[in-house]
Amino acid sequence: KSDFINFISDQEWKSIEPVSSWFGPSSFLMSSMSALFQLSMWIRHCHNYLTENVGIPVWGSYAVFALATLLSGLILGLVSETLERDWL
């Protein structure tokens, strides 16, 4: 507590460089990072649900996520190719 009070009273805060807007909490980069962390927590929740409640073995849960990743990549690739052909 005393260190914080000294930090303020001695105006040491003036010597600290402010955070760049690129790394600010409301920037696009940090919002994207937050979304990735939320996605990872959702995937962990789904994995726990599949293994604990449904009774799928751990390797089966990994297989489900691997197939979902492949399927989403296939769909995104097809959509991307279709949009590219239509626009060009």
PDB file of N, CA and C in Angstrom:
ATOM      1  N   LYS A   1       0.830  -1.183   0.000  1.00  0.00           N
ATOM      2  CA  LYS A   1       0.000   0.000   0.000  1.00  0.00           C
ATOM      3  C   LYS A   1       0.880   1.255   0.000  1.00  0.00           C
ATOM      4  N   SER A   2       1.900   1.223   0.804  1.00  0.00           N
ATOM      5  CA  SER A   2       2.773   2.402   0.885  1.00  0.00           C
ATOM      6  C   SER A   2       3.532   2.619  -0.421  1.00  0.00           C
ATOM      7  N   ASP A   3       3.912   1.527  -1.103  1.00  0.00           N
ATOM      8  CA  ASP A   3       4.590   1.666  -2.399  1.00  0.00           C
ATOM      9  C   ASP A   3       3.684   2.349  -3.420  1.00  0.00           C
ATOM     10  N   PHE A   4       2.422   1.984  -3.395  1.00  0.00           N
ATOM     11  CA  PHE A   4       1.474   2.592  -4.328  1.00  0.00           C
ATOM     12  C   PHE A   4       1.294   4.081  -4.021  1.00  0.00           C
ATOM     13  N   ILE A   5       1.172   4.408  -2.766  1.00  0.00           N
ATOM     14  CA  ILE A   5       1.013   5.812  -2.370  1.00  0.00           C
ATOM     15  C   ILE A   5       2.256   6.613  -2.772  1.00  0.00           C
ATOM     16  N   ASN A   6       3.444   6.039  -2.555  1.00  0.00           N
ATOM     17  CA  ASN A   6       4.682   6.716  -2.957  1.00  0.00           C
ATOM     18  C   ASN A   6       4.754   6.866  -4.475  1.00  0.00           C
ATOM     19  N   PHE A   7       4.279   5.874  -5.191  1.00  0.00           N
ATOM     20  CA  PHE A   7       4.256   5.916  -6.647  1.00  0.00           C
ATOM     21  C   PHE A   7       3.427   7.101  -7.135  1.00  0.00           C
ATOM     22  N   ILE A   8       2.307   7.340  -6.487  1.00  0.00           N
ATOM     23  CA  ILE A   8       1.430   8.448  -6.864  1.00  0.00           C
ATOM     24  C   ILE A   8       1.989   9.788  -6.361  1.00  0.00           C
ATOM     25  N   SER A   9       2.385   9.842  -5.109  1.00  0.00           N
ATOM     26  CA  SER A   9       2.832  11.120  -4.540  1.00  0.00           C
ATOM     27  C   SER A   9       4.152  11.600  -5.148  1.00  0.00           C
ATOM     28  N   ASP A  10       5.042  10.688  -5.504  1.00  0.00           N
ATOM     29  CA  ASP A  10       6.318  11.071  -6.123  1.00  0.00           C
ATOM     30  C   ASP A  10       6.201  11.252  -7.631  1.00  0.00           C
ATOM     31  N   GLN A  11       5.013  11.064  -8.135  1.00  0.00           N
ATOM     32  CA  GLN A  11       4.697  11.210  -9.566  1.00  0.00           C
ATOM     33  C   GLN A  11       5.583  10.337 -10.450  1.00  0.00           C
ATOM     34  N   GLU A  12       5.870   9.128  -9.976  1.00  0.00           N
ATOM     35  CA  GLU A  12       6.638   8.168 -10.771  1.00  0.00           C
ATOM     36  C   GLU A  12       5.839   7.692 -11.979  1.00  0.00           C
ATOM     37  N   TRP A  13       4.534   7.843 -11.919  1.00  0.00           N
ATOM     38  CA  TRP A  13       3.671   7.390 -13.009  1.00  0.00           C
ATOM     39  C   TRP A  13       3.931   8.161 -14.292  1.00  0.00           C
ATOM     40  N   LYS A  14       4.512   9.353 -14.193  1.00  0.00           N
ATOM     41  CA  LYS A  14       4.792  10.147 -15.391  1.00  0.00           C
ATOM     42  C   LYS A  14       5.911   9.541 -16.239  1.00  0.00           C
ATOM     43  N   SER A  15       6.756   8.732 -15.624  1.00  0.00           N
ATOM     44  CA  SER A  15       7.881   8.144 -16.357  1.00  0.00           C
ATOM     45  C   SER A  15       7.494   6.859 -17.096  1.00  0.00           C
ATOM     46  N   ILE A  16       6.293   6.384 -16.885  1.00  0.00           N
ATOM     47  CA  ILE A  16       5.847   5.143 -17.526  1.00  0.00           C
ATOM     48  C   ILE A  16       5.207   5.463 -18.869  1.00  0.00           C
ATOM     49  N   GLU A  17       5.632   4.731 -19.878  1.00  0.00           N
ATOM     50  CA  GLU A  17       5.096   4.938 -21.228  1.00  0.00           C
ATOM     51  C   GLU A  17       3.689   4.343 -21.319  1.00  0.00           C
ATOM     52  N   PRO A  18       2.732   5.069 -21.873  1.00  0.00           N
ATOM     53  CA  PRO A  18       1.370   4.531 -21.971  1.00  0.00           C
ATOM     54  C   PRO A  18       1.306   3.359 -22.945  1.00  0.00           C
ATOM     55  N   VAL A  19       0.300   2.533 -22.744  1.00  0.00           N
ATOM     56  CA  VAL A  19       0.085   1.370 -23.600  1.00  0.00           C
ATOM     57  C   VAL A  19      -0.365   1.850 -24.975  1.00  0.00           C
ATOM     58  N   SER A  20       0.214   1.267 -25.998  1.00  0.00           N
ATOM     59  CA  SER A  20      -0.166   1.605 -27.362  1.00  0.00           C
ATOM     60  C   SER A  20      -1.637   1.257 -27.593  1.00  0.00           C
ATOM     61  N   SER A  21      -2.285   2.023 -28.434  1.00  0.00           N
ATOM     62  CA  SER A  21      -3.701   1.743 -28.719  1.00  0.00           C
ATOM     63  C   SER A  21      -3.876   0.378 -29.367  1.00  0.00           C
ATOM     64  N   TRP A  22      -2.822  -0.103 -30.017  1.00  0.00           N
ATOM     65  CA  TRP A  22      -2.876  -1.421 -30.651  1.00  0.00           C
ATOM     66  C   TRP A  22      -3.046  -2.521 -29.603  1.00  0.00           C
ATOM     67  N   PHE A  23      -2.479  -2.326 -28.416  1.00  0.00           N
ATOM     68  CA  PHE A  23      -2.559  -3.320 -27.348  1.00  0.00           C
ATOM     69  C   PHE A  23      -3.548  -2.928 -26.255  1.00  0.00           C
ATOM     70  N   GLY A  24      -4.347  -1.914 -26.500  1.00  0.00           N
ATOM     71  CA  GLY A  24      -5.352  -1.505 -25.526  1.00  0.00           C
ATOM     72  C   GLY A  24      -6.430  -2.559 -25.376  1.00  0.00           C
ATOM     73  N   PRO A  25      -7.115  -2.586 -24.261  1.00  0.00           N
ATOM     74  CA  PRO A  25      -8.117  -3.615 -24.006  1.00  0.00           C
ATOM     75  C   PRO A  25      -9.278  -3.620 -24.995  1.00  0.00           C
ATOM     76  N   SER A  26      -9.581  -2.490 -25.598  1.00  0.00           N
ATOM     77  CA  SER A  26     -10.718  -2.440 -26.527  1.00  0.00           C
ATOM     78  C   SER A  26     -10.280  -2.499 -27.988  1.00  0.00           C
ATOM     79  N   SER A  27      -9.003  -2.785 -28.255  1.00  0.00           N
ATOM     80  CA  SER A  27      -8.528  -2.844 -29.637  1.00  0.00           C
ATOM     81  C   SER A  27      -8.998  -4.129 -30.316  1.00  0.00           C
ATOM     82  N   PHE A  28      -8.921  -4.138 -31.623  1.00  0.00           N
ATOM     83  CA  PHE A  28      -9.327  -5.320 -32.388  1.00  0.00           C
ATOM     84  C   PHE A  28      -8.474  -6.526 -32.025  1.00  0.00           C
ATOM     85  N   LEU A  29      -7.173  -6.316 -31.844  1.00  0.00           N
ATOM     86  CA  LEU A  29      -6.260  -7.406 -31.513  1.00  0.00           C
ATOM     87  C   LEU A  29      -6.629  -8.056 -30.184  1.00  0.00           C
ATOM     88  N   MET A  30      -6.855  -7.264 -29.174  1.00  0.00           N
ATOM     89  CA  MET A  30      -7.183  -7.814 -27.865  1.00  0.00           C
ATOM     90  C   MET A  30      -8.592  -8.415 -27.838  1.00  0.00           C
ATOM     91  N   SER A  31      -9.512  -7.848 -28.593  1.00  0.00           N
ATOM     92  CA  SER A  31     -10.848  -8.446 -28.686  1.00  0.00           C
ATOM     93  C   SER A  31     -10.771  -9.809 -29.366  1.00  0.00           C
ATOM     94  N   SER A  32      -9.927  -9.918 -30.372  1.00  0.00           N
ATOM     95  CA  SER A  32      -9.734 -11.209 -31.054  1.00  0.00           C
ATOM     96  C   SER A  32      -9.105 -12.226 -30.116  1.00  0.00           C
ATOM     97  N   MET A  33      -8.115 -11.791 -29.339  1.00  0.00           N
ATOM     98  CA  MET A  33      -7.486 -12.699 -28.372  1.00  0.00           C
ATOM     99  C   MET A  33      -8.501 -13.173 -27.341  1.00  0.00           C
ATOM    100  N   SER A  34      -9.351 -12.276 -26.894  1.00  0.00           N
ATOM    101  CA  SER A  34     -10.387 -12.637 -25.938  1.00  0.00           C
ATOM    102  C   SER A  34     -11.337 -13.668 -26.529  1.00  0.00           C
ATOM    103  N   ALA A  35     -11.708 -13.470 -27.788  1.00  0.00           N
ATOM    104  CA  ALA A  35     -12.603 -14.424 -28.451  1.00  0.00           C
ATOM    105  C   ALA A  35     -11.943 -15.795 -28.576  1.00  0.00           C
ATOM    106  N   LEU A  36     -10.641 -15.825 -28.862  1.00  0.00           N
ATOM    107  CA  LEU A  36      -9.933 -17.105 -28.950  1.00  0.00           C
ATOM    108  C   LEU A  36      -9.893 -17.814 -27.598  1.00  0.00           C
ATOM    109  N   PHE A  37      -9.667 -17.057 -26.527  1.00  0.00           N
ATOM    110  CA  PHE A  37      -9.667 -17.665 -25.202  1.00  0.00           C
ATOM    111  C   PHE A  37     -11.057 -18.185 -24.839  1.00  0.00           C
ATOM    112  N   GLN A  38     -12.095 -17.442 -25.179  1.00  0.00           N
ATOM    113  CA  GLN A  38     -13.452 -17.909 -24.913  1.00  0.00           C
ATOM    114  C   GLN A  38     -13.766 -19.163 -25.717  1.00  0.00           C
ATOM    115  N   LEU A  39     -13.287 -19.219 -26.967  1.00  0.00           N
ATOM    116  CA  LEU A  39     -13.484 -20.412 -27.785  1.00  0.00           C
ATOM    117  C   LEU A  39     -12.770 -21.608 -27.169  1.00  0.00           C
ATOM    118  N   SER A  40     -11.553 -21.402 -26.682  1.00  0.00           N
ATOM    119  CA  SER A  40     -10.822 -22.515 -26.065  1.00  0.00           C
ATOM    120  C   SER A  40     -11.526 -23.017 -24.812  1.00  0.00           C
ATOM    121  N   MET A  41     -12.110 -22.106 -24.035  1.00  0.00           N
ATOM    122  CA  MET A  41     -12.857 -22.538 -22.849  1.00  0.00           C
ATOM    123  C   MET A  41     -14.125 -23.291 -23.235  1.00  0.00           C
ATOM    124  N   TRP A  42     -14.772 -22.877 -24.316  1.00  0.00           N
ATOM    125  CA  TRP A  42     -15.964 -23.583 -24.788  1.00  0.00           C
ATOM    126  C   TRP A  42     -15.588 -24.984 -25.271  1.00  0.00           C
ATOM    127  N   ILE A  43     -14.472 -25.103 -25.986  1.00  0.00           N
ATOM    128  CA  ILE A  43     -14.021 -26.411 -26.455  1.00  0.00           C
ATOM    129  C   ILE A  43     -13.690 -27.307 -25.266  1.00  0.00           C
ATOM    130  N   ARG A  44     -13.051 -26.748 -24.252  1.00  0.00           N
ATOM    131  CA  ARG A  44     -12.742 -27.530 -23.045  1.00  0.00           C
ATOM    132  C   ARG A  44     -14.031 -27.992 -22.369  1.00  0.00           C
ATOM    133  N   HIS A  45     -15.025 -27.101 -22.297  1.00  0.00           N
ATOM    134  CA  HIS A  45     -16.306 -27.465 -21.700  1.00  0.00           C
ATOM    135  C   HIS A  45     -16.958 -28.604 -22.495  1.00  0.00           C
ATOM    136  N   CYS A  46     -16.934 -28.503 -23.814  1.00  0.00           N
ATOM    137  CA  CYS A  46     -17.507 -29.565 -24.655  1.00  0.00           C
ATOM    138  C   CYS A  46     -16.763 -30.878 -24.464  1.00  0.00           C
ATOM    139  N   HIS A  47     -15.436 -30.821 -24.393  1.00  0.00           N
ATOM    140  CA  HIS A  47     -14.631 -32.029 -24.173  1.00  0.00           C
ATOM    141  C   HIS A  47     -15.004 -32.687 -22.849  1.00  0.00           C
ATOM    142  N   ASN A  48     -15.115 -31.879 -21.788  1.00  0.00           N
ATOM    143  CA  ASN A  48     -15.495 -32.421 -20.482  1.00  0.00           C
ATOM    144  C   ASN A  48     -16.894 -33.011 -20.522  1.00  0.00           C
ATOM    145  N   TYR A  49     -17.804 -32.357 -21.228  1.00  0.00           N
ATOM    146  CA  TYR A  49     -19.169 -32.874 -21.335  1.00  0.00           C
ATOM    147  C   TYR A  49     -19.177 -34.222 -22.055  1.00  0.00           C
ATOM    148  N   LEU A  50     -18.444 -34.298 -23.171  1.00  0.00           N
ATOM    149  CA  LEU A  50     -18.419 -35.543 -23.940  1.00  0.00           C
ATOM    150  C   LEU A  50     -17.794 -36.685 -23.153  1.00  0.00           C
ATOM    151  N   THR A  51     -16.737 -36.399 -22.404  1.00  0.00           N
ATOM    152  CA  THR A  51     -16.056 -37.474 -21.683  1.00  0.00           C
ATOM    153  C   THR A  51     -16.747 -37.836 -20.365  1.00  0.00           C
ATOM    154  N   GLU A  52     -17.299 -36.861 -19.665  1.00  0.00           N
ATOM    155  CA  GLU A  52     -17.876 -37.136 -18.351  1.00  0.00           C
ATOM    156  C   GLU A  52     -19.359 -37.483 -18.409  1.00  0.00           C
ATOM    157  N   ASN A  53     -20.140 -36.766 -19.182  1.00  0.00           N
ATOM    158  CA  ASN A  53     -21.590 -36.978 -19.197  1.00  0.00           C
ATOM    159  C   ASN A  53     -22.026 -37.989 -20.251  1.00  0.00           C
ATOM    160  N   VAL A  54     -21.455 -37.898 -21.441  1.00  0.00           N
ATOM    161  CA  VAL A  54     -21.866 -38.803 -22.521  1.00  0.00           C
ATOM    162  C   VAL A  54     -21.132 -40.134 -22.416  1.00  0.00           C
ATOM    163  N   GLY A  55     -19.925 -40.128 -21.877  1.00  0.00           N
ATOM    164  CA  GLY A  55     -19.172 -41.366 -21.695  1.00  0.00           C
ATOM    165  C   GLY A  55     -18.262 -41.714 -22.859  1.00  0.00           C
ATOM    166  N   ILE A  56     -18.007 -40.776 -23.732  1.00  0.00           N
ATOM    167  CA  ILE A  56     -17.090 -41.018 -24.852  1.00  0.00           C
ATOM    168  C   ILE A  56     -15.671 -41.031 -24.292  1.00  0.00           C
ATOM    169  N   PRO A  57     -14.835 -41.971 -24.725  1.00  0.00           N
ATOM    170  CA  PRO A  57     -13.443 -41.946 -24.251  1.00  0.00           C
ATOM    171  C   PRO A  57     -12.710 -40.698 -24.740  1.00  0.00           C
ATOM    172  N   VAL A  58     -11.600 -40.390 -24.098  1.00  0.00           N
ATOM    173  CA  VAL A  58     -10.857 -39.178 -24.422  1.00  0.00           C
ATOM    174  C   VAL A  58     -10.435 -39.177 -25.890  1.00  0.00           C
ATOM    175  N   TRP A  59      -9.945 -40.322 -26.382  1.00  0.00           N
ATOM    176  CA  TRP A  59      -9.523 -40.379 -27.782  1.00  0.00           C
ATOM    177  C   TRP A  59     -10.715 -40.158 -28.709  1.00  0.00           C
ATOM    178  N   GLY A  60     -11.907 -40.581 -28.303  1.00  0.00           N
ATOM    179  CA  GLY A  60     -13.106 -40.362 -29.102  1.00  0.00           C
ATOM    180  C   GLY A  60     -13.474 -38.887 -29.167  1.00  0.00           C
ATOM    181  N   SER A  61     -13.300 -38.193 -28.043  1.00  0.00           N
ATOM    182  CA  SER A  61     -13.556 -36.751 -28.030  1.00  0.00           C
ATOM    183  C   SER A  61     -12.583 -36.032 -28.954  1.00  0.00           C
ATOM    184  N   TYR A  62     -11.313 -36.441 -28.906  1.00  0.00           N
ATOM    185  CA  TYR A  62     -10.324 -35.847 -29.814  1.00  0.00           C
ATOM    186  C   TYR A  62     -10.684 -36.114 -31.267  1.00  0.00           C
ATOM    187  N   ALA A  63     -11.182 -37.308 -31.537  1.00  0.00           N
ATOM    188  CA  ALA A  63     -11.586 -37.652 -32.905  1.00  0.00           C
ATOM    189  C   ALA A  63     -12.762 -36.788 -33.359  1.00  0.00           C
ATOM    190  N   VAL A  64     -13.706 -36.530 -32.463  1.00  0.00           N
ATOM    191  CA  VAL A  64     -14.848 -35.679 -32.793  1.00  0.00           C
ATOM    192  C   VAL A  64     -14.373 -34.278 -33.142  1.00  0.00           C
ATOM    193  N   PHE A  65     -13.453 -33.726 -32.342  1.00  0.00           N
ATOM    194  CA  PHE A  65     -12.942 -32.385 -32.615  1.00  0.00           C
ATOM    195  C   PHE A  65     -12.091 -32.348 -33.882  1.00  0.00           C
ATOM    196  N   ALA A  66     -11.345 -33.423 -34.149  1.00  0.00           N
ATOM    197  CA  ALA A  66     -10.556 -33.473 -35.382  1.00  0.00           C
ATOM    198  C   ALA A  66     -11.471 -33.495 -36.599  1.00  0.00           C
ATOM    199  N   LEU A  67     -12.525 -34.285 -36.540  1.00  0.00           N
ATOM    200  CA  LEU A  67     -13.479 -34.333 -37.656  1.00  0.00           C
ATOM    201  C   LEU A  67     -14.216 -33.002 -37.812  1.00  0.00           C
ATOM    202  N   ALA A  68     -14.558 -32.374 -36.710  1.00  0.00           N
ATOM    203  CA  ALA A  68     -15.224 -31.060 -36.783  1.00  0.00           C
ATOM    204  C   ALA A  68     -14.292 -30.022 -37.396  1.00  0.00           C
ATOM    205  N   THR A  69     -13.005 -30.096 -37.058  1.00  0.00           N
ATOM    206  CA  THR A  69     -12.031 -29.163 -37.638  1.00  0.00           C
ATOM    207  C   THR A  69     -11.894 -29.390 -39.135  1.00  0.00           C
ATOM    208  N   LEU A  70     -11.794 -30.646 -39.544  1.00  0.00           N
ATOM    209  CA  LEU A  70     -11.694 -30.954 -40.972  1.00  0.00           C
ATOM    210  C   LEU A  70     -12.944 -30.522 -41.723  1.00  0.00           C
ATOM    211  N   LEU A  71     -14.110 -30.789 -41.156  1.00  0.00           N
ATOM    212  CA  LEU A  71     -15.365 -30.423 -41.806  1.00  0.00           C
ATOM    213  C   LEU A  71     -15.510 -28.906 -41.931  1.00  0.00           C
ATOM    214  N   SER A  72     -15.162 -28.173 -40.858  1.00  0.00           N
ATOM    215  CA  SER A  72     -15.273 -26.712 -40.935  1.00  0.00           C
ATOM    216  C   SER A  72     -14.265 -26.144 -41.931  1.00  0.00           C
ATOM    217  N   GLY A  73     -13.081 -26.730 -42.024  1.00  0.00           N
ATOM    218  CA  GLY A  73     -12.106 -26.295 -43.021  1.00  0.00           C
ATOM    219  C   GLY A  73     -12.587 -26.560 -44.426  1.00  0.00           C
ATOM    220  N   LEU A  74     -13.221 -27.698 -44.629  1.00  0.00           N
ATOM    221  CA  LEU A  74     -13.769 -28.033 -45.941  1.00  0.00           C
ATOM    222  C   LEU A  74     -14.871 -27.060 -46.330  1.00  0.00           C
ATOM    223  N   ILE A  75     -15.768 -26.786 -45.407  1.00  0.00           N
ATOM    224  CA  ILE A  75     -16.870 -25.864 -45.690  1.00  0.00           C
ATOM    225  C   ILE A  75     -16.341 -24.459 -45.955  1.00  0.00           C
ATOM    226  N   LEU A  76     -15.404 -23.987 -45.119  1.00  0.00           N
ATOM    227  CA  LEU A  76     -14.843 -22.646 -45.334  1.00  0.00           C
ATOM    228  C   LEU A  76     -14.088 -22.571 -46.659  1.00  0.00           C
ATOM    229  N   GLY A  77     -13.392 -23.628 -47.025  1.00  0.00           N
ATOM    230  CA  GLY A  77     -12.691 -23.661 -48.309  1.00  0.00           C
ATOM    231  C   GLY A  77     -13.648 -23.614 -49.482  1.00  0.00           C
ATOM    232  N   LEU A  78     -14.743 -24.366 -49.385  1.00  0.00           N
ATOM    233  CA  LEU A  78     -15.734 -24.362 -50.462  1.00  0.00           C
ATOM    234  C   LEU A  78     -16.412 -22.993 -50.587  1.00  0.00           C
ATOM    235  N   VAL A  79     -16.752 -22.401 -49.461  1.00  0.00           N
ATOM    236  CA  VAL A  79     -17.380 -21.075 -49.480  1.00  0.00           C
ATOM    237  C   VAL A  79     -16.407 -20.048 -50.043  1.00  0.00           C
ATOM    238  N   SER A  80     -15.157 -20.119 -49.614  1.00  0.00           N
ATOM    239  CA  SER A  80     -14.141 -19.187 -50.103  1.00  0.00           C
ATOM    240  C   SER A  80     -13.941 -19.336 -51.603  1.00  0.00           C
ATOM    241  N   GLU A  81     -13.870 -20.556 -52.080  1.00  0.00           N
ATOM    242  CA  GLU A  81     -13.681 -20.791 -53.518  1.00  0.00           C
ATOM    243  C   GLU A  81     -14.894 -20.323 -54.311  1.00  0.00           C
ATOM    244  N   THR A  82     -16.084 -20.543 -53.787  1.00  0.00           N
ATOM    245  CA  THR A  82     -17.289 -20.116 -54.462  1.00  0.00           C
ATOM    246  C   THR A  82     -17.359 -18.590 -54.548  1.00  0.00           C
ATOM    247  N   LEU A  83     -17.042 -17.915 -53.443  1.00  0.00           N
ATOM    248  CA  LEU A  83     -17.063 -16.455 -53.445  1.00  0.00           C
ATOM    249  C   LEU A  83     -15.997 -15.900 -54.382  1.00  0.00           C
ATOM    250  N   GLU A  84     -14.846 -16.543 -54.424  1.00  0.00           N
ATOM    251  CA  GLU A  84     -13.781 -16.068 -55.305  1.00  0.00           C
ATOM    252  C   GLU A  84     -14.167 -16.212 -56.769  1.00  0.00           C
ATOM    253  N   ARG A  85     -14.784 -17.311 -57.114  1.00  0.00           N
ATOM    254  CA  ARG A  85     -15.189 -17.525 -58.509  1.00  0.00           C
ATOM    255  C   ARG A  85     -16.303 -16.564 -58.920  1.00  0.00           C
ATOM    256  N   ASP A  86     -17.219 -16.289 -57.992  1.00  0.00           N
ATOM    257  CA  ASP A  86     -18.331 -15.393 -58.319  1.00  0.00           C
ATOM    258  C   ASP A  86     -17.863 -13.957 -58.450  1.00  0.00           C
ATOM    259  N   TRP A  87     -16.880 -13.549 -57.654  1.00  0.00           N
ATOM    260  CA  TRP A  87     -16.440 -12.173 -57.672  1.00  0.00           C
ATOM    261  C   TRP A  87     -15.401 -11.904 -58.753  1.00  0.00           C
ATOM    262  N   LEU A  88     -14.682 -12.924 -59.179  1.00  0.00           N
ATOM    263  CA  LEU A  88     -13.665 -12.720 -60.211  1.00  0.00           C
ATOM    264  C   LEU A  88     -14.230 -13.165 -61.498  1.00  0.00           C
TER     265      LEU A  88
END
